[in-house]
Amino acid sequence: LKGTDTIAGSTLQMNRGLQILIEEAGVPVDTAINACTLNPARCLGVDDRKGKICAGYDADLVVLDRDYNVIQTYCRGIEFREKRFMF
């Protein structure tokens, strides 16, 4: 939220947001992926270790199938077996 340290949220899952950006809005794939990864990391001030696949970064990864369903999740390079996490 502008003027605060708070980020506005949504119930939309990020994989579905990515799907909408690419398939409905026609956003180029690399731009859409940055909108879901690097840009939020920059907003949070953690882009020195999160938001891209790069040596020295945390290796937080999500693998999607062709329908944008989550099929694998990694946190700091360690695979999590559960498909969904409820917070």
PDB file of N, CA and C in Angstrom:
ATOM      1  N   LEU A   1       0.846  -1.166   0.000  1.00  0.00           N
ATOM      2  CA  LEU A   1       0.000   0.000   0.000  1.00  0.00           C
ATOM      3  C   LEU A   1       0.896   1.236   0.000  1.00  0.00           C
ATOM      4  N   LYS A   2       0.631   2.138  -0.898  1.00  0.00           N
ATOM      5  CA  LYS A   2       1.468   3.315  -1.067  1.00  0.00           C
ATOM      6  C   LYS A   2       1.590   4.109   0.242  1.00  0.00           C
ATOM      7  N   GLY A   3       2.822   4.467   0.557  1.00  0.00           N
ATOM      8  CA  GLY A   3       3.079   5.253   1.747  1.00  0.00           C
ATOM      9  C   GLY A   3       3.211   4.435   3.021  1.00  0.00           C
ATOM     10  N   THR A   4       3.161   3.113   2.906  1.00  0.00           N
ATOM     11  CA  THR A   4       3.290   2.248   4.077  1.00  0.00           C
ATOM     12  C   THR A   4       4.309   1.151   3.785  1.00  0.00           C
ATOM     13  N   ASP A   5       4.591   0.348   4.790  1.00  0.00           N
ATOM     14  CA  ASP A   5       5.452  -0.821   4.612  1.00  0.00           C
ATOM     15  C   ASP A   5       4.626  -2.078   4.346  1.00  0.00           C
ATOM     16  N   THR A   6       3.351  -1.919   4.030  1.00  0.00           N
ATOM     17  CA  THR A   6       2.441  -3.031   3.845  1.00  0.00           C
ATOM     18  C   THR A   6       2.235  -3.327   2.365  1.00  0.00           C
ATOM     19  N   ILE A   7       2.247  -4.618   2.033  1.00  0.00           N
ATOM     20  CA  ILE A   7       1.951  -5.045   0.672  1.00  0.00           C
ATOM     21  C   ILE A   7       0.515  -5.536   0.644  1.00  0.00           C
ATOM     22  N   ALA A   8      -0.265  -5.050  -0.313  1.00  0.00           N
ATOM     23  CA  ALA A   8      -1.647  -5.498  -0.450  1.00  0.00           C
ATOM     24  C   ALA A   8      -1.656  -6.955  -0.902  1.00  0.00           C
ATOM     25  N   GLY A   9      -2.643  -7.697  -0.494  1.00  0.00           N
ATOM     26  CA  GLY A   9      -2.700  -9.118  -0.810  1.00  0.00           C
ATOM     27  C   GLY A   9      -3.917  -9.490  -1.631  1.00  0.00           C
ATOM     28  N   SER A  10      -4.006 -10.752  -1.941  1.00  0.00           N
ATOM     29  CA  SER A  10      -5.105 -11.282  -2.731  1.00  0.00           C
ATOM     30  C   SER A  10      -5.269 -12.762  -2.405  1.00  0.00           C
ATOM     31  N   THR A  11      -6.432 -13.301  -2.705  1.00  0.00           N
ATOM     32  CA  THR A  11      -6.645 -14.738  -2.561  1.00  0.00           C
ATOM     33  C   THR A  11      -6.278 -15.481  -3.845  1.00  0.00           C
ATOM     34  N   LEU A  12      -5.945 -14.742  -4.884  1.00  0.00           N
ATOM     35  CA  LEU A  12      -5.534 -15.355  -6.147  1.00  0.00           C
ATOM     36  C   LEU A  12      -4.189 -16.043  -5.967  1.00  0.00           C
ATOM     37  N   GLN A  13      -4.124 -17.318  -6.332  1.00  0.00           N
ATOM     38  CA  GLN A  13      -2.856 -18.042  -6.235  1.00  0.00           C
ATOM     39  C   GLN A  13      -1.918 -17.555  -7.333  1.00  0.00           C
ATOM     40  N   MET A  14      -0.626 -17.469  -7.018  1.00  0.00           N
ATOM     41  CA  MET A  14       0.343 -16.900  -7.939  1.00  0.00           C
ATOM     42  C   MET A  14       0.390 -17.652  -9.269  1.00  0.00           C
ATOM     43  N   ASN A  15       0.268 -18.975  -9.236  1.00  0.00           N
ATOM     44  CA  ASN A  15       0.295 -19.729 -10.491  1.00  0.00           C
ATOM     45  C   ASN A  15      -0.890 -19.361 -11.386  1.00  0.00           C
ATOM     46  N   ARG A  16      -2.031 -19.070 -10.801  1.00  0.00           N
ATOM     47  CA  ARG A  16      -3.192 -18.646 -11.586  1.00  0.00           C
ATOM     48  C   ARG A  16      -3.011 -17.218 -12.096  1.00  0.00           C
ATOM     49  N   GLY A  17      -2.395 -16.372 -11.302  1.00  0.00           N
ATOM     50  CA  GLY A  17      -2.087 -15.015 -11.757  1.00  0.00           C
ATOM     51  C   GLY A  17      -1.138 -15.043 -12.946  1.00  0.00           C
ATOM     52  N   LEU A  18      -0.140 -15.927 -12.886  1.00  0.00           N
ATOM     53  CA  LEU A  18       0.794 -16.093 -13.997  1.00  0.00           C
ATOM     54  C   LEU A  18       0.051 -16.558 -15.241  1.00  0.00           C
ATOM     55  N   GLN A  19      -0.845 -17.502 -15.078  1.00  0.00           N
ATOM     56  CA  GLN A  19      -1.634 -18.011 -16.198  1.00  0.00           C
ATOM     57  C   GLN A  19      -2.460 -16.893 -16.843  1.00  0.00           C
ATOM     58  N   ILE A  20      -3.092 -16.076 -16.037  1.00  0.00           N
ATOM     59  CA  ILE A  20      -3.902 -14.962 -16.544  1.00  0.00           C
ATOM     60  C   ILE A  20      -3.023 -13.970 -17.301  1.00  0.00           C
ATOM     61  N   LEU A  21      -1.877 -13.626 -16.722  1.00  0.00           N
ATOM     62  CA  LEU A  21      -0.978 -12.682 -17.386  1.00  0.00           C
ATOM     63  C   LEU A  21      -0.566 -13.179 -18.771  1.00  0.00           C
ATOM     64  N   ILE A  22      -0.198 -14.452 -18.857  1.00  0.00           N
ATOM     65  CA  ILE A  22       0.303 -14.993 -20.120  1.00  0.00           C
ATOM     66  C   ILE A  22      -0.828 -15.288 -21.100  1.00  0.00           C
ATOM     67  N   GLU A  23      -1.841 -16.019 -20.661  1.00  0.00           N
ATOM     68  CA  GLU A  23      -2.851 -16.516 -21.585  1.00  0.00           C
ATOM     69  C   GLU A  23      -3.991 -15.540 -21.870  1.00  0.00           C
ATOM     70  N   GLU A  24      -4.340 -14.705 -20.916  1.00  0.00           N
ATOM     71  CA  GLU A  24      -5.455 -13.792 -21.135  1.00  0.00           C
ATOM     72  C   GLU A  24      -5.011 -12.369 -21.438  1.00  0.00           C
ATOM     73  N   ALA A  25      -3.968 -11.908 -20.746  1.00  0.00           N
ATOM     74  CA  ALA A  25      -3.511 -10.534 -20.951  1.00  0.00           C
ATOM     75  C   ALA A  25      -2.450 -10.429 -22.046  1.00  0.00           C
ATOM     76  N   GLY A  26      -1.896 -11.575 -22.453  1.00  0.00           N
ATOM     77  CA  GLY A  26      -0.905 -11.557 -23.527  1.00  0.00           C
ATOM     78  C   GLY A  26       0.438 -10.965 -23.142  1.00  0.00           C
ATOM     79  N   VAL A  27       0.752 -10.990 -21.858  1.00  0.00           N
ATOM     80  CA  VAL A  27       2.040 -10.479 -21.379  1.00  0.00           C
ATOM     81  C   VAL A  27       3.119 -11.491 -21.777  1.00  0.00           C
ATOM     82  N   PRO A  28       4.263 -11.030 -22.299  1.00  0.00           N
ATOM     83  CA  PRO A  28       5.342 -11.959 -22.642  1.00  0.00           C
ATOM     84  C   PRO A  28       5.746 -12.804 -21.426  1.00  0.00           C
ATOM     85  N   VAL A  29       6.095 -14.067 -21.682  1.00  0.00           N
ATOM     86  CA  VAL A  29       6.389 -15.016 -20.610  1.00  0.00           C
ATOM     87  C   VAL A  29       7.442 -14.489 -19.644  1.00  0.00           C
ATOM     88  N   ASP A  30       8.557 -13.959 -20.145  1.00  0.00           N
ATOM     89  CA  ASP A  30       9.618 -13.486 -19.241  1.00  0.00           C
ATOM     90  C   ASP A  30       9.147 -12.322 -18.386  1.00  0.00           C
ATOM     91  N   THR A  31       8.350 -11.437 -18.944  1.00  0.00           N
ATOM     92  CA  THR A  31       7.815 -10.306 -18.178  1.00  0.00           C
ATOM     93  C   THR A  31       6.829 -10.787 -17.116  1.00  0.00           C
ATOM     94  N   ALA A  32       5.977 -11.751 -17.486  1.00  0.00           N
ATOM     95  CA  ALA A  32       5.004 -12.294 -16.538  1.00  0.00           C
ATOM     96  C   ALA A  32       5.697 -13.015 -15.388  1.00  0.00           C
ATOM     97  N   ILE A  33       6.734 -13.789 -15.705  1.00  0.00           N
ATOM     98  CA  ILE A  33       7.466 -14.494 -14.644  1.00  0.00           C
ATOM     99  C   ILE A  33       8.141 -13.500 -13.704  1.00  0.00           C
ATOM    100  N   ASN A  34       8.742 -12.448 -14.240  1.00  0.00           N
ATOM    101  CA  ASN A  34       9.342 -11.420 -13.382  1.00  0.00           C
ATOM    102  C   ASN A  34       8.291 -10.753 -12.496  1.00  0.00           C
ATOM    103  N   ALA A  35       7.088 -10.560 -13.034  1.00  0.00           N
ATOM    104  CA  ALA A  35       6.007  -9.944 -12.255  1.00  0.00           C
ATOM    105  C   ALA A  35       5.604 -10.813 -11.067  1.00  0.00           C
ATOM    106  N   CYS A  36       5.841 -12.109 -11.182  1.00  0.00           N
ATOM    107  CA  CYS A  36       5.458 -13.041 -10.116  1.00  0.00           C
ATOM    108  C   CYS A  36       6.627 -13.458  -9.229  1.00  0.00           C
ATOM    109  N   THR A  37       7.836 -13.056  -9.574  1.00  0.00           N
ATOM    110  CA  THR A  37       9.015 -13.513  -8.837  1.00  0.00           C
ATOM    111  C   THR A  37       9.933 -12.358  -8.437  1.00  0.00           C
ATOM    112  N   LEU A  38      10.637 -11.818  -9.386  1.00  0.00           N
ATOM    113  CA  LEU A  38      11.642 -10.794  -9.095  1.00  0.00           C
ATOM    114  C   LEU A  38      11.028  -9.494  -8.578  1.00  0.00           C
ATOM    115  N   ASN A  39       9.951  -9.050  -9.192  1.00  0.00           N
ATOM    116  CA  ASN A  39       9.351  -7.783  -8.758  1.00  0.00           C
ATOM    117  C   ASN A  39       8.837  -7.830  -7.317  1.00  0.00           C
ATOM    118  N   PRO A  40       8.115  -8.893  -6.899  1.00  0.00           N
ATOM    119  CA  PRO A  40       7.722  -8.966  -5.483  1.00  0.00           C
ATOM    120  C   PRO A  40       8.934  -9.042  -4.545  1.00  0.00           C
ATOM    121  N   ALA A  41       9.975  -9.772  -4.962  1.00  0.00           N
ATOM    122  CA  ALA A  41      11.186  -9.850  -4.131  1.00  0.00           C
ATOM    123  C   ALA A  41      11.803  -8.466  -3.957  1.00  0.00           C
ATOM    124  N   ARG A  42      11.822  -7.674  -5.017  1.00  0.00           N
ATOM    125  CA  ARG A  42      12.339  -6.294  -4.925  1.00  0.00           C
ATOM    126  C   ARG A  42      11.498  -5.462  -3.976  1.00  0.00           C
ATOM    127  N   CYS A  43      10.171  -5.593  -4.086  1.00  0.00           N
ATOM    128  CA  CYS A  43       9.279  -4.829  -3.198  1.00  0.00           C
ATOM    129  C   CYS A  43       9.517  -5.164  -1.734  1.00  0.00           C
ATOM    130  N   LEU A  44       9.849  -6.420  -1.468  1.00  0.00           N
ATOM    131  CA  LEU A  44      10.099  -6.866  -0.096  1.00  0.00           C
ATOM    132  C   LEU A  44      11.536  -6.621   0.355  1.00  0.00           C
ATOM    133  N   GLY A  45      12.393  -6.207  -0.576  1.00  0.00           N
ATOM    134  CA  GLY A  45      13.792  -5.962  -0.233  1.00  0.00           C
ATOM    135  C   GLY A  45      14.601  -7.226  -0.029  1.00  0.00           C
ATOM    136  N   VAL A  46      14.163  -8.347  -0.653  1.00  0.00           N
ATOM    137  CA  VAL A  46      14.891  -9.610  -0.518  1.00  0.00           C
ATOM    138  C   VAL A  46      15.444 -10.090  -1.864  1.00  0.00           C
ATOM    139  N   ASP A  47      15.518  -9.183  -2.822  1.00  0.00           N
ATOM    140  CA  ASP A  47      15.963  -9.549  -4.160  1.00  0.00           C
ATOM    141  C   ASP A  47      17.460  -9.828  -4.240  1.00  0.00           C
ATOM    142  N   ASP A  48      18.154  -9.717  -3.121  1.00  0.00           N
ATOM    143  CA  ASP A  48      19.568 -10.105  -3.086  1.00  0.00           C
ATOM    144  C   ASP A  48      19.713 -11.616  -2.906  1.00  0.00           C
ATOM    145  N   ARG A  49      18.584 -12.324  -2.635  1.00  0.00           N
ATOM    146  CA  ARG A  49      18.640 -13.767  -2.435  1.00  0.00           C
ATOM    147  C   ARG A  49      17.413 -14.517  -2.956  1.00  0.00           C
ATOM    148  N   LYS A  50      16.406 -13.781  -3.379  1.00  0.00           N
ATOM    149  CA  LYS A  50      15.173 -14.405  -3.875  1.00  0.00           C
ATOM    150  C   LYS A  50      14.721 -13.706  -5.155  1.00  0.00           C
ATOM    151  N   GLY A  51      13.908 -14.419  -5.939  1.00  0.00           N
ATOM    152  CA  GLY A  51      13.303 -13.799  -7.110  1.00  0.00           C
ATOM    153  C   GLY A  51      13.880 -14.222  -8.443  1.00  0.00           C
ATOM    154  N   LYS A  52      14.982 -14.955  -8.420  1.00  0.00           N
ATOM    155  CA  LYS A  52      15.531 -15.463  -9.674  1.00  0.00           C
ATOM    156  C   LYS A  52      16.390 -16.683  -9.417  1.00  0.00           C
ATOM    157  N   ILE A  53      16.624 -17.416 -10.492  1.00  0.00           N
ATOM    158  CA  ILE A  53      17.484 -18.595 -10.413  1.00  0.00           C
ATOM    159  C   ILE A  53      18.896 -18.128 -10.737  1.00  0.00           C
ATOM    160  N   CYS A  54      19.745 -18.127  -9.709  1.00  0.00           N
ATOM    161  CA  CYS A  54      21.077 -17.564  -9.856  1.00  0.00           C
ATOM    162  C   CYS A  54      21.967 -18.117  -8.741  1.00  0.00           C
ATOM    163  N   ALA A  55      23.243 -18.290  -9.050  1.00  0.00           N
ATOM    164  CA  ALA A  55      24.190 -18.747  -8.027  1.00  0.00           C
ATOM    165  C   ALA A  55      24.134 -17.814  -6.823  1.00  0.00           C
ATOM    166  N   GLY A  56      24.090 -18.413  -5.637  1.00  0.00           N
ATOM    167  CA  GLY A  56      24.058 -17.632  -4.406  1.00  0.00           C
ATOM    168  C   GLY A  56      22.657 -17.279  -3.933  1.00  0.00           C
ATOM    169  N   TYR A  57      21.654 -17.584  -4.727  1.00  0.00           N
ATOM    170  CA  TYR A  57      20.272 -17.310  -4.325  1.00  0.00           C
ATOM    171  C   TYR A  57      19.702 -18.515  -3.582  1.00  0.00           C
ATOM    172  N   ASP A  58      18.528 -18.357  -2.960  1.00  0.00           N
ATOM    173  CA  ASP A  58      17.979 -19.359  -2.046  1.00  0.00           C
ATOM    174  C   ASP A  58      17.464 -20.638  -2.700  1.00  0.00           C
ATOM    175  N   ALA A  59      17.330 -20.698  -3.999  1.00  0.00           N
ATOM    176  CA  ALA A  59      16.804 -21.874  -4.703  1.00  0.00           C
ATOM    177  C   ALA A  59      15.391 -22.205  -4.246  1.00  0.00           C
ATOM    178  N   ASP A  60      14.566 -21.171  -4.094  1.00  0.00           N
ATOM    179  CA  ASP A  60      13.133 -21.347  -3.859  1.00  0.00           C
ATOM    180  C   ASP A  60      12.490 -21.455  -5.240  1.00  0.00           C
ATOM    181  N   LEU A  61      11.982 -22.618  -5.563  1.00  0.00           N
ATOM    182  CA  LEU A  61      11.475 -22.875  -6.908  1.00  0.00           C
ATOM    183  C   LEU A  61      10.116 -23.562  -6.866  1.00  0.00           C
ATOM    184  N   VAL A  62       9.310 -23.276  -7.867  1.00  0.00           N
ATOM    185  CA  VAL A  62       8.044 -23.970  -8.062  1.00  0.00           C
ATOM    186  C   VAL A  62       8.037 -24.480  -9.494  1.00  0.00           C
ATOM    187  N   VAL A  63       7.714 -25.762  -9.665  1.00  0.00           N
ATOM    188  CA  VAL A  63       7.632 -26.371 -10.991  1.00  0.00           C
ATOM    189  C   VAL A  63       6.152 -26.508 -11.329  1.00  0.00           C
ATOM    190  N   LEU A  64       5.776 -25.964 -12.490  1.00  0.00           N
ATOM    191  CA  LEU A  64       4.388 -26.007 -12.940  1.00  0.00           C
ATOM    192  C   LEU A  64       4.259 -26.936 -14.137  1.00  0.00           C
ATOM    193  N   ASP A  65       3.075 -27.534 -14.296  1.00  0.00           N
ATOM    194  CA  ASP A  65       2.817 -28.300 -15.515  1.00  0.00           C
ATOM    195  C   ASP A  65       2.262 -27.353 -16.582  1.00  0.00           C
ATOM    196  N   ARG A  66       1.869 -27.890 -17.714  1.00  0.00           N
ATOM    197  CA  ARG A  66       1.382 -27.065 -18.829  1.00  0.00           C
ATOM    198  C   ARG A  66       0.096 -26.308 -18.502  1.00  0.00           C
ATOM    199  N   ASP A  67      -0.632 -26.795 -17.497  1.00  0.00           N
ATOM    200  CA  ASP A  67      -1.867 -26.136 -17.073  1.00  0.00           C
ATOM    201  C   ASP A  67      -1.652 -25.224 -15.865  1.00  0.00           C
ATOM    202  N   TYR A  68      -0.398 -24.941 -15.559  1.00  0.00           N
ATOM    203  CA  TYR A  68      -0.008 -24.057 -14.455  1.00  0.00           C
ATOM    204  C   TYR A  68      -0.315 -24.632 -13.078  1.00  0.00           C
ATOM    205  N   ASN A  69      -0.495 -25.941 -12.991  1.00  0.00           N
ATOM    206  CA  ASN A  69      -0.677 -26.591 -11.690  1.00  0.00           C
ATOM    207  C   ASN A  69       0.694 -26.819 -11.061  1.00  0.00           C
ATOM    208  N   VAL A  70       0.779 -26.654  -9.758  1.00  0.00           N
ATOM    209  CA  VAL A  70       2.028 -26.876  -9.036  1.00  0.00           C
ATOM    210  C   VAL A  70       2.287 -28.382  -8.952  1.00  0.00           C
ATOM    211  N   ILE A  71       3.464 -28.801  -9.444  1.00  0.00           N
ATOM    212  CA  ILE A  71       3.795 -30.230  -9.359  1.00  0.00           C
ATOM    213  C   ILE A  71       4.995 -30.489  -8.453  1.00  0.00           C
ATOM    214  N   GLN A  72       5.827 -29.484  -8.229  1.00  0.00           N
ATOM    215  CA  GLN A  72       6.943 -29.602  -7.280  1.00  0.00           C
ATOM    216  C   GLN A  72       7.230 -28.233  -6.685  1.00  0.00           C
ATOM    217  N   THR A  73       7.664 -28.244  -5.434  1.00  0.00           N
ATOM    218  CA  THR A  73       8.033 -27.022  -4.738  1.00  0.00           C
ATOM    219  C   THR A  73       9.343 -27.255  -3.996  1.00  0.00           C
ATOM    220  N   TYR A  74      10.250 -26.295  -4.111  1.00  0.00           N
ATOM    221  CA  TYR A  74      11.536 -26.361  -3.424  1.00  0.00           C
ATOM    222  C   TYR A  74      11.726 -25.101  -2.594  1.00  0.00           C
ATOM    223  N   CYS A  75      12.210 -25.269  -1.391  1.00  0.00           N
ATOM    224  CA  CYS A  75      12.561 -24.150  -0.517  1.00  0.00           C
ATOM    225  C   CYS A  75      14.019 -24.314  -0.136  1.00  0.00           C
ATOM    226  N   ARG A  76      14.823 -23.336  -0.538  1.00  0.00           N
ATOM    227  CA  ARG A  76      16.277 -23.397  -0.344  1.00  0.00           C
ATOM    228  C   ARG A  76      16.855 -24.699  -0.882  1.00  0.00           C
ATOM    229  N   GLY A  77      16.312 -25.138  -2.017  1.00  0.00           N
ATOM    230  CA  GLY A  77      16.812 -26.313  -2.701  1.00  0.00           C
ATOM    231  C   GLY A  77      16.300 -27.637  -2.186  1.00  0.00           C
ATOM    232  N   ILE A  78      15.473 -27.618  -1.144  1.00  0.00           N
ATOM    233  CA  ILE A  78      14.939 -28.851  -0.574  1.00  0.00           C
ATOM    234  C   ILE A  78      13.508 -29.031  -1.069  1.00  0.00           C
ATOM    235  N   GLU A  79      13.227 -30.208  -1.659  1.00  0.00           N
ATOM    236  CA  GLU A  79      11.898 -30.470  -2.195  1.00  0.00           C
ATOM    237  C   GLU A  79      10.883 -30.675  -1.078  1.00  0.00           C
ATOM    238  N   PHE A  80       9.728 -30.032  -1.229  1.00  0.00           N
ATOM    239  CA  PHE A  80       8.597 -30.252  -0.341  1.00  0.00           C
ATOM    240  C   PHE A  80       7.627 -31.149  -1.068  1.00  0.00           C
ATOM    241  N   ARG A  81       7.154 -32.176  -0.418  1.00  0.00           N
ATOM    242  CA  ARG A  81       6.298 -33.177  -1.058  1.00  0.00           C
ATOM    243  C   ARG A  81       4.849 -32.713  -1.200  1.00  0.00           C
ATOM    244  N   GLU A  82       4.365 -31.878  -0.282  1.00  0.00           N
ATOM    245  CA  GLU A  82       2.992 -31.432  -0.338  1.00  0.00           C
ATOM    246  C   GLU A  82       2.815 -30.494  -1.527  1.00  0.00           C
ATOM    247  N   LYS A  83       1.677 -30.614  -2.197  1.00  0.00           N
ATOM    248  CA  LYS A  83       1.390 -29.729  -3.327  1.00  0.00           C
ATOM    249  C   LYS A  83       0.921 -28.350  -2.871  1.00  0.00           C
ATOM    250  N   ARG A  84       0.258 -28.286  -1.726  1.00  0.00           N
ATOM    251  CA  ARG A  84      -0.292 -27.015  -1.262  1.00  0.00           C
ATOM    252  C   ARG A  84       0.130 -26.765   0.184  1.00  0.00           C
ATOM    253  N   PHE A  85       0.287 -25.514   0.476  1.00  0.00           N
ATOM    254  CA  PHE A  85       0.584 -25.105   1.842  1.00  0.00           C
ATOM    255  C   PHE A  85      -0.517 -24.149   2.282  1.00  0.00           C
ATOM    256  N   MET A  86      -1.061 -24.376   3.425  1.00  0.00           N
ATOM    257  CA  MET A  86      -2.092 -23.482   3.954  1.00  0.00           C
ATOM    258  C   MET A  86      -1.472 -22.684   5.084  1.00  0.00           C
ATOM    259  N   PHE A  87      -1.562 -21.385   4.987  1.00  0.00           N
ATOM    260  CA  PHE A  87      -0.997 -20.511   6.018  1.00  0.00           C
ATOM    261  C   PHE A  87      -2.092 -19.767   6.726  1.00  0.00           C
TER     262      PHE A  87
END
